[in-house]
Protein backbone atom coordinates (compact mmCIF):
# COMPACT_ATOMS: atom_id res chain seq x y z
CA MET A 1 155.42 133.77 129.48
CA SER A 2 154.86 130.19 130.72
CA ASP A 3 157.69 130.67 133.38
CA LEU A 4 155.45 132.92 135.30
CA VAL A 5 153.77 130.97 138.02
CA ALA A 6 151.56 132.26 140.82
CA ARG A 7 152.55 132.03 144.41
CA THR A 8 150.59 129.73 146.49
CA GLY A 9 150.64 128.69 150.25
CA ARG A 10 150.74 131.08 153.24
CA HIS A 11 154.17 130.29 154.97
CA GLN A 12 155.44 133.81 153.98
CA GLN A 13 152.42 135.66 154.80
CA ARG A 14 152.43 138.91 156.77
CA TYR A 15 150.10 139.42 159.59
CA GLU A 16 149.66 142.47 162.19
CA GLY A 17 147.75 143.00 165.31
CA GLY A 18 145.14 139.95 164.24
CA TYR A 19 144.88 141.14 160.68
CA ARG A 20 145.95 139.24 157.70
CA LEU A 21 148.00 141.86 155.36
CA VAL A 22 146.84 142.34 151.95
CA ALA A 23 148.16 144.16 149.04
CA GLY A 24 146.21 145.09 145.96
CA CYS A 25 145.91 147.79 143.31
CA ILE A 26 143.36 149.54 140.62
CA PRO A 27 145.02 148.84 137.42
CA TYR A 28 143.90 152.09 135.38
CA LYS A 29 144.89 153.26 131.54
CA TYR A 30 143.81 156.05 129.17
CA ARG A 31 141.34 155.44 126.58
CA ASN A 32 142.13 157.20 123.54
CA PRO A 33 140.74 161.24 123.80
CA ASP A 34 137.59 161.42 122.46
CA GLU A 35 135.90 164.64 123.73
CA ASN A 36 136.92 168.25 123.33
CA CYS A 37 137.14 170.12 126.60
CA GLY A 38 137.88 173.59 126.19
CA GLY A 39 140.30 173.32 123.13
CA LYS A 40 142.12 170.34 125.15
CA MET A 41 141.07 166.51 124.36
CA LYS A 42 139.63 164.89 127.59
CA LYS A 43 141.14 161.46 128.47
CA THR A 44 138.67 159.02 129.66
CA VAL A 45 140.13 156.78 132.62
CA GLU A 46 139.63 153.15 132.41
CA VAL A 47 140.14 150.86 135.40
CA LEU A 48 141.01 146.81 135.11
CA MET A 49 138.86 144.57 137.07
CA ILE A 50 138.88 140.69 137.18
CA ASN A 51 136.13 137.99 137.55
CA SER A 52 136.08 136.47 141.22
CA SER A 53 136.80 132.68 141.42
CA SER A 54 134.36 132.66 144.01
CA GLY A 55 130.97 134.05 142.98
CA PRO A 56 129.36 136.94 140.75
CA GLY A 57 130.87 140.44 140.66
CA LEU A 58 134.17 142.00 139.60
CA LEU A 59 137.28 142.63 141.85
CA PHE A 60 140.52 144.39 141.61
CA PRO A 61 143.43 142.20 142.01
CA LYS A 62 144.70 142.02 145.49
CA GLY A 63 146.50 139.14 147.54
CA GLY A 64 148.69 138.30 150.70
CA TRP A 65 151.70 140.32 151.41
CA GLU A 66 154.45 138.13 152.02
CA ASN A 67 157.63 138.58 153.95
CA ASP A 68 160.22 138.83 151.54
CA GLU A 69 158.57 141.33 149.61
CA THR A 70 157.81 145.27 150.05
CA VAL A 71 154.09 146.12 149.90
CA GLU A 72 154.14 147.81 146.39
CA GLU A 73 155.95 144.48 145.17
CA ALA A 74 153.10 142.62 146.55
CA ALA A 75 150.72 144.51 144.80
CA GLU A 76 152.57 144.27 141.77
CA ARG A 77 152.74 140.42 141.82
CA GLU A 78 149.35 140.03 142.10
CA ALA A 79 148.32 142.57 139.49
CA LEU A 80 150.57 140.46 137.38
CA GLU A 81 149.35 136.85 138.71
CA GLU A 82 145.56 137.85 138.94
CA ALA A 83 145.17 140.30 135.78
CA GLY A 84 148.15 139.82 133.62
CA VAL A 85 149.17 143.32 133.65
CA ARG A 86 152.73 145.11 134.63
CA GLY A 87 152.91 149.20 135.30
CA GLU A 88 153.89 151.49 137.77
CA ILE A 89 152.67 151.69 141.21
CA LYS A 90 151.37 155.22 142.57
CA ASP A 91 150.90 156.77 145.87
CA LEU A 92 149.18 154.70 148.74
CA LEU A 93 145.31 155.28 148.33
CA GLY A 94 144.58 153.81 151.63
CA HIS A 95 144.15 151.06 153.92
CA TYR A 96 140.90 148.76 153.78
CA TYR A 97 139.42 146.63 156.32
CA PHE A 98 137.24 143.47 155.42
CA LYS A 99 136.63 139.91 156.74
CA SER A 100 137.33 137.17 154.07
CA ARG A 101 135.18 133.91 154.58
CA THR A 102 137.77 131.86 152.44
CA LEU A 103 140.97 132.86 154.02
CA LYS A 104 140.83 131.87 157.95
CA ASP A 105 143.81 130.61 159.65
CA GLU A 106 145.14 130.15 163.05
CA PHE A 107 146.98 133.52 163.05
CA CYS A 108 143.52 135.08 161.76
CA PRO A 109 140.79 132.93 162.75
CA ASP A 110 137.75 135.42 161.68
CA GLY A 111 139.40 136.23 158.67
CA SER A 112 139.98 139.58 159.26
CA CYS A 113 142.33 141.54 156.52
CA LYS A 114 143.82 144.78 156.18
CA ALA A 115 144.43 145.70 152.40
CA ALA A 116 146.95 148.18 151.13
CA MET A 117 145.50 149.42 147.79
CA PHE A 118 147.53 151.20 145.20
CA PRO A 119 146.63 153.01 141.78
CA LEU A 120 148.62 150.79 139.15
CA LEU A 121 149.35 152.70 135.87
CA VAL A 122 149.43 149.93 133.29
CA LYS A 123 152.19 149.86 130.94
CA GLU A 124 151.81 146.21 129.46
CA GLU A 125 149.27 143.77 129.27
CA LEU A 126 150.39 140.09 128.94
CA CYS A 127 148.77 137.81 126.37
CA SER A 128 149.57 135.08 128.80
CA TRP A 129 149.52 135.22 132.81
CA PRO A 130 149.56 132.75 135.76
CA GLU A 131 145.91 132.76 136.49
CA GLN A 132 144.40 133.32 132.99
CA SER A 133 142.82 129.78 133.11
CA THR A 134 140.51 130.89 135.81
CA ARG A 135 140.51 135.04 135.43
CA GLN A 136 139.10 137.25 132.82
CA ARG A 137 139.84 140.66 132.63
CA LYS A 138 137.62 143.86 132.06
CA TRP A 139 138.10 147.60 131.24
CA LEU A 140 135.46 149.81 132.70
CA THR A 141 134.84 153.43 133.48
CA ILE A 142 134.92 154.47 136.85
CA PRO A 143 130.85 154.59 137.26
CA GLU A 144 130.87 151.01 135.53
CA ALA A 145 133.39 149.75 137.88
CA GLU A 146 131.62 151.08 140.94
CA THR A 147 128.15 148.95 139.92
CA GLN A 148 130.01 145.56 139.17
CA CYS A 149 132.37 145.90 142.14
CA ARG A 150 131.79 142.55 144.35
CA HIS A 151 132.78 144.13 147.86
CA SER A 152 131.79 147.46 149.41
CA TRP A 153 135.63 148.02 150.43
CA MET A 154 136.42 147.90 147.02
CA GLN A 155 134.18 150.50 145.92
CA ASP A 156 135.48 152.55 148.75
CA ALA A 157 138.85 152.12 147.40
CA LEU A 158 137.51 153.29 144.00
CA VAL A 159 135.39 155.91 144.84
CA GLU A 160 136.86 157.68 147.94
CA GLY A 161 140.52 156.20 147.13
CA PHE A 162 141.26 156.16 143.29
CA SER A 163 138.87 158.86 141.99
CA LYS A 164 139.75 161.54 144.72
CA TRP A 165 143.68 160.53 144.16
CA HIS A 166 143.18 160.88 140.21
CA ALA A 167 141.40 163.96 140.20
CA LYS A 168 143.95 165.74 142.68
CA ASN A 169 147.07 164.24 140.64
CA THR A 170 145.68 164.72 137.11
CA ALA A 171 146.51 168.49 135.83
CA ASP A 172 144.51 168.07 132.62
CA ASN A 173 141.07 167.12 134.30
CA CYS A 174 138.19 169.20 132.67
């Protein structure tokens, strides 16, 4: 996997209405069924978070959406580059607004960002990925992830976006 390289630079970055456009995902999988629920085995969902390169707390993979890709492709690329996972992108959870202290530039001087967030059902975890030297990944239950999430907008994406989407789209919830 040494041929995988993270994209760098902003020459293809998308902007809209004063916002830097960002794509990200909440990678998830199911832990082996471990509880009986009305005669059925209940599956526990886990989400994958990564450490921040600029401070404490955990994050979901996200980054700039570039001109040569769809927003879904950008979210998948970020999951691969930052967390070393591949999978299946699901429905858009929503758009989340935040200000970045580190991503200010001539097109977005105050760091305003608009993030499109998606669930990503993880199908493959790579042993080697572009940012493995600076990122560690950690599987967490939703309540654990909520308490360790560094940014409030990511907590909103998890609780208001992902959790509600998952409950609505999972027929075997108990």
